[in-house]
Amino acid sequence: MTKGLNSVWFVYIVQCKDDSYYVGITNDLNNRILIHNLGKGPDYTRRRRPVKLVYYEKLESKSKARKREIEIKGWRREKKENLVRFGHSLRGE
């Protein structure tokens, strides 16, 4: 396997049926959303299907994607909403 094949990772946000957000990482974004909607993903999204992809970022490694995921998961909903709406977060919060 060549290095470039799976070197791109994504941090993503899906909006669930109940309007909540789920933040995760993957190296195959389309397949991951499909897995969520088939009910084969985490219990959180399994109970809140269907989900809709509302935001994603490309990152160069799994490690960087995981760090970004943890950062976003720590934000309040308003900050996540700004990321989804405008592609950036409010700074200084």
N, C-alpha and C. Protein backbone atom coordinates (compact mmCIF):
# COMPACT_ATOMS: atom_id res chain seq x y z
N MET A 1 0.86 -1.18 0.00
CA MET A 1 0.00 0.00 0.00
C MET A 1 0.90 1.24 0.00
N THR A 2 0.57 2.19 -0.83
CA THR A 2 1.36 3.41 -0.88
C THR A 2 0.95 4.36 0.23
N LYS A 3 1.90 5.18 0.63
CA LYS A 3 1.66 6.09 1.75
C LYS A 3 0.50 7.04 1.50
N GLY A 4 0.34 7.52 0.28
CA GLY A 4 -0.68 8.51 -0.02
C GLY A 4 -2.10 7.98 -0.03
N LEU A 5 -2.27 6.67 -0.08
CA LEU A 5 -3.59 6.10 -0.22
C LEU A 5 -4.52 6.43 0.93
N ASN A 6 -4.09 6.27 2.16
CA ASN A 6 -4.94 6.55 3.31
C ASN A 6 -4.34 7.62 4.21
N SER A 7 -3.56 8.53 3.63
CA SER A 7 -2.91 9.53 4.47
C SER A 7 -3.82 10.71 4.78
N VAL A 8 -4.96 10.81 4.10
CA VAL A 8 -5.90 11.90 4.38
C VAL A 8 -6.93 11.41 5.39
N TRP A 9 -7.09 12.16 6.44
CA TRP A 9 -8.11 11.88 7.46
C TRP A 9 -9.05 13.06 7.53
N PHE A 10 -10.24 12.80 8.03
CA PHE A 10 -11.26 13.83 8.14
C PHE A 10 -11.77 13.88 9.58
N VAL A 11 -11.99 15.09 10.05
CA VAL A 11 -12.81 15.27 11.24
C VAL A 11 -14.14 15.77 10.69
N TYR A 12 -15.23 15.25 11.20
CA TYR A 12 -16.52 15.60 10.61
C TYR A 12 -17.56 15.83 11.71
N ILE A 13 -18.59 16.55 11.31
CA ILE A 13 -19.74 16.77 12.18
C ILE A 13 -20.98 16.35 11.41
N VAL A 14 -21.78 15.50 12.03
CA VAL A 14 -23.08 15.17 11.47
C VAL A 14 -24.14 15.73 12.39
N GLN A 15 -25.25 16.12 11.78
CA GLN A 15 -26.40 16.57 12.54
C GLN A 15 -27.38 15.40 12.58
N CYS A 16 -27.79 15.05 13.77
CA CYS A 16 -28.69 13.92 13.96
C CYS A 16 -30.15 14.35 13.84
N LYS A 17 -31.02 13.34 13.75
CA LYS A 17 -32.46 13.57 13.62
C LYS A 17 -32.99 14.47 14.75
N ASP A 18 -32.43 14.35 15.94
CA ASP A 18 -32.90 15.15 17.07
C ASP A 18 -32.20 16.51 17.15
N ASP A 19 -31.47 16.89 16.08
CA ASP A 19 -30.78 18.18 15.95
C ASP A 19 -29.49 18.26 16.76
N SER A 20 -29.08 17.17 17.38
CA SER A 20 -27.81 17.16 18.09
C SER A 20 -26.68 16.96 17.09
N TYR A 21 -25.46 17.25 17.54
CA TYR A 21 -24.29 17.06 16.70
C TYR A 21 -23.46 15.87 17.20
N TYR A 22 -22.86 15.17 16.25
CA TYR A 22 -21.91 14.12 16.57
C TYR A 22 -20.62 14.45 15.83
N VAL A 23 -19.50 14.40 16.53
CA VAL A 23 -18.19 14.70 15.95
C VAL A 23 -17.38 13.42 15.92
N GLY A 24 -16.76 13.13 14.77
CA GLY A 24 -15.95 11.93 14.65
C GLY A 24 -14.82 12.12 13.66
N ILE A 25 -14.04 11.05 13.47
CA ILE A 25 -12.97 11.06 12.48
C ILE A 25 -13.07 9.82 11.61
N THR A 26 -12.51 9.90 10.42
CA THR A 26 -12.49 8.78 9.50
C THR A 26 -11.48 9.03 8.39
N ASN A 27 -11.11 7.98 7.70
CA ASN A 27 -10.29 8.15 6.50
C ASN A 27 -11.10 7.84 5.24
N ASP A 28 -12.40 7.58 5.42
CA ASP A 28 -13.32 7.34 4.30
C ASP A 28 -14.66 7.99 4.65
N LEU A 29 -14.79 9.25 4.31
CA LEU A 29 -15.93 10.05 4.75
C LEU A 29 -17.27 9.52 4.24
N ASN A 30 -17.36 9.24 2.95
CA ASN A 30 -18.64 8.77 2.39
C ASN A 30 -19.08 7.47 3.04
N ASN A 31 -18.16 6.53 3.20
CA ASN A 31 -18.49 5.26 3.82
C ASN A 31 -18.90 5.44 5.28
N ARG A 32 -18.24 6.33 5.97
CA ARG A 32 -18.54 6.53 7.40
C ARG A 32 -19.95 7.07 7.59
N ILE A 33 -20.36 8.01 6.74
CA ILE A 33 -21.73 8.55 6.84
C ILE A 33 -22.73 7.45 6.53
N LEU A 34 -22.43 6.63 5.53
CA LEU A 34 -23.29 5.50 5.20
C LEU A 34 -23.43 4.55 6.39
N ILE A 35 -22.32 4.25 7.03
CA ILE A 35 -22.34 3.37 8.20
C ILE A 35 -23.21 3.95 9.31
N HIS A 36 -23.08 5.26 9.56
CA HIS A 36 -23.94 5.90 10.57
C HIS A 36 -25.41 5.69 10.20
N ASN A 37 -25.76 5.95 8.94
CA ASN A 37 -27.17 5.89 8.54
C ASN A 37 -27.71 4.47 8.41
N LEU A 38 -26.84 3.49 8.29
CA LEU A 38 -27.29 2.10 8.29
C LEU A 38 -27.47 1.56 9.71
N GLY A 39 -27.11 2.37 10.70
CA GLY A 39 -27.26 1.94 12.09
C GLY A 39 -26.14 1.04 12.56
N LYS A 40 -25.00 1.07 11.85
CA LYS A 40 -23.87 0.21 12.21
C LYS A 40 -22.75 1.00 12.88
N GLY A 41 -22.98 2.27 13.14
CA GLY A 41 -21.98 3.11 13.79
C GLY A 41 -22.17 3.11 15.29
N PRO A 42 -21.68 4.15 15.94
CA PRO A 42 -21.79 4.22 17.40
C PRO A 42 -23.25 4.30 17.87
N ASP A 43 -23.48 3.85 19.07
CA ASP A 43 -24.82 3.82 19.64
C ASP A 43 -25.47 5.20 19.60
N TYR A 44 -24.68 6.25 19.81
CA TYR A 44 -25.24 7.61 19.83
C TYR A 44 -25.97 7.92 18.53
N THR A 45 -25.33 7.68 17.39
CA THR A 45 -25.98 7.99 16.12
C THR A 45 -26.98 6.91 15.72
N ARG A 46 -26.77 5.71 16.15
CA ARG A 46 -27.70 4.61 15.84
C ARG A 46 -29.11 4.96 16.32
N ARG A 47 -29.19 5.59 17.48
CA ARG A 47 -30.50 5.96 18.05
C ARG A 47 -31.04 7.27 17.51
N ARG A 48 -30.25 7.97 16.71
CA ARG A 48 -30.66 9.31 16.26
C ARG A 48 -30.61 9.45 14.74
N ARG A 49 -30.83 8.36 14.04
CA ARG A 49 -30.80 8.38 12.58
C ARG A 49 -32.07 8.99 12.01
N PRO A 50 -31.99 9.52 10.81
CA PRO A 50 -30.80 9.63 9.96
C PRO A 50 -29.90 10.79 10.40
N VAL A 51 -28.65 10.70 9.98
CA VAL A 51 -27.71 11.80 10.22
C VAL A 51 -27.37 12.46 8.89
N LYS A 52 -26.98 13.72 8.98
CA LYS A 52 -26.63 14.48 7.78
C LYS A 52 -25.26 15.12 8.00
N LEU A 53 -24.36 14.92 7.06
CA LEU A 53 -23.05 15.55 7.14
C LEU A 53 -23.21 17.05 6.99
N VAL A 54 -22.72 17.81 7.98
CA VAL A 54 -22.86 19.27 7.93
C VAL A 54 -21.52 19.99 7.91
N TYR A 55 -20.42 19.27 8.20
CA TYR A 55 -19.11 19.91 8.21
C TYR A 55 -18.02 18.84 8.18
N TYR A 56 -16.92 19.17 7.49
CA TYR A 56 -15.74 18.31 7.59
C TYR A 56 -14.49 19.11 7.30
N GLU A 57 -13.38 18.62 7.81
CA GLU A 57 -12.05 19.17 7.55
C GLU A 57 -11.14 18.02 7.15
N LYS A 58 -10.25 18.27 6.20
CA LYS A 58 -9.22 17.29 5.84
C LYS A 58 -7.99 17.56 6.69
N LEU A 59 -7.40 16.48 7.20
CA LEU A 59 -6.17 16.58 7.97
C LEU A 59 -5.18 15.55 7.46
N GLU A 60 -3.92 15.78 7.70
CA GLU A 60 -2.89 14.94 7.08
C GLU A 60 -2.53 13.67 7.84
N SER A 61 -3.09 13.50 9.04
CA SER A 61 -2.80 12.27 9.78
C SER A 61 -3.93 11.96 10.75
N LYS A 62 -3.99 10.71 11.16
CA LYS A 62 -4.99 10.29 12.15
C LYS A 62 -4.77 11.03 13.47
N SER A 63 -3.53 11.21 13.83
CA SER A 63 -3.21 11.90 15.08
C SER A 63 -3.75 13.33 15.08
N LYS A 64 -3.55 14.05 13.99
CA LYS A 64 -4.04 15.43 13.90
C LYS A 64 -5.56 15.47 13.88
N ALA A 65 -6.16 14.49 13.20
CA ALA A 65 -7.62 14.42 13.17
C ALA A 65 -8.17 14.16 14.57
N ARG A 66 -7.54 13.25 15.31
CA ARG A 66 -8.01 12.93 16.66
C ARG A 66 -7.90 14.15 17.58
N LYS A 67 -6.79 14.88 17.48
CA LYS A 67 -6.62 16.08 18.30
C LYS A 67 -7.68 17.12 17.99
N ARG A 68 -7.98 17.30 16.71
CA ARG A 68 -9.01 18.27 16.31
C ARG A 68 -10.38 17.80 16.77
N GLU A 69 -10.65 16.52 16.67
CA GLU A 69 -11.93 15.97 17.13
C GLU A 69 -12.12 16.26 18.62
N ILE A 70 -11.10 16.01 19.41
CA ILE A 70 -11.18 16.26 20.85
C ILE A 70 -11.42 17.74 21.13
N GLU A 71 -10.73 18.59 20.37
CA GLU A 71 -10.92 20.03 20.53
C GLU A 71 -12.37 20.42 20.27
N ILE A 72 -12.92 19.99 19.13
CA ILE A 72 -14.28 20.36 18.77
C ILE A 72 -15.30 19.76 19.74
N LYS A 73 -15.08 18.53 20.18
CA LYS A 73 -16.01 17.92 21.14
C LYS A 73 -16.07 18.68 22.45
N GLY A 74 -15.01 19.40 22.77
CA GLY A 74 -14.99 20.17 24.01
C GLY A 74 -15.72 21.52 23.93
N TRP A 75 -16.12 21.90 22.74
CA TRP A 75 -16.79 23.19 22.55
C TRP A 75 -18.26 23.13 22.95
N ARG A 76 -18.78 24.29 23.29
CA ARG A 76 -20.22 24.43 23.51
C ARG A 76 -20.92 24.38 22.15
N ARG A 77 -22.21 24.13 22.19
CA ARG A 77 -22.99 24.00 20.94
C ARG A 77 -22.88 25.25 20.06
N GLU A 78 -22.93 26.43 20.64
CA GLU A 78 -22.88 27.66 19.84
C GLU A 78 -21.61 27.73 19.00
N LYS A 79 -20.52 27.33 19.56
CA LYS A 79 -19.25 27.37 18.84
C LYS A 79 -19.24 26.33 17.72
N LYS A 80 -19.82 25.17 17.96
CA LYS A 80 -19.95 24.16 16.91
C LYS A 80 -20.86 24.67 15.79
N GLU A 81 -21.95 25.33 16.15
CA GLU A 81 -22.86 25.88 15.15
C GLU A 81 -22.17 26.90 14.26
N ASN A 82 -21.31 27.73 14.84
CA ASN A 82 -20.57 28.69 14.04
C ASN A 82 -19.59 28.00 13.10
N LEU A 83 -19.00 26.94 13.54
CA LEU A 83 -18.12 26.17 12.67
C LEU A 83 -18.91 25.60 11.49
N VAL A 84 -20.08 25.05 11.77
CA VAL A 84 -20.94 24.49 10.74
C VAL A 84 -21.42 25.58 9.78
N ARG A 85 -21.88 26.68 10.30
CA ARG A 85 -22.45 27.75 9.48
C ARG A 85 -21.42 28.52 8.68
N PHE A 86 -20.31 28.85 9.31
CA PHE A 86 -19.37 29.78 8.71
C PHE A 86 -18.00 29.17 8.40
N GLY A 87 -17.80 27.94 8.78
CA GLY A 87 -16.53 27.29 8.50
C GLY A 87 -15.41 27.71 9.44
N HIS A 88 -15.75 28.38 10.52
CA HIS A 88 -14.76 28.76 11.52
C HIS A 88 -15.44 28.90 12.87
N SER A 89 -14.66 28.90 13.90
CA SER A 89 -15.20 29.06 15.24
C SER A 89 -15.02 30.49 15.71
N LEU A 90 -15.77 30.86 16.70
CA LEU A 90 -15.57 32.16 17.33
C LEU A 90 -14.33 32.06 18.21
N ARG A 91 -13.41 32.94 18.05
CA ARG A 91 -12.17 32.90 18.83
C ARG A 91 -12.35 33.59 20.18
N GLY A 92 -11.55 33.19 21.11
CA GLY A 92 -11.55 33.84 22.41
C GLY A 92 -12.63 33.40 23.35
N GLU A 93 -13.27 32.28 23.07
CA GLU A 93 -14.32 31.79 23.97
C GLU A 93 -13.80 30.71 24.86
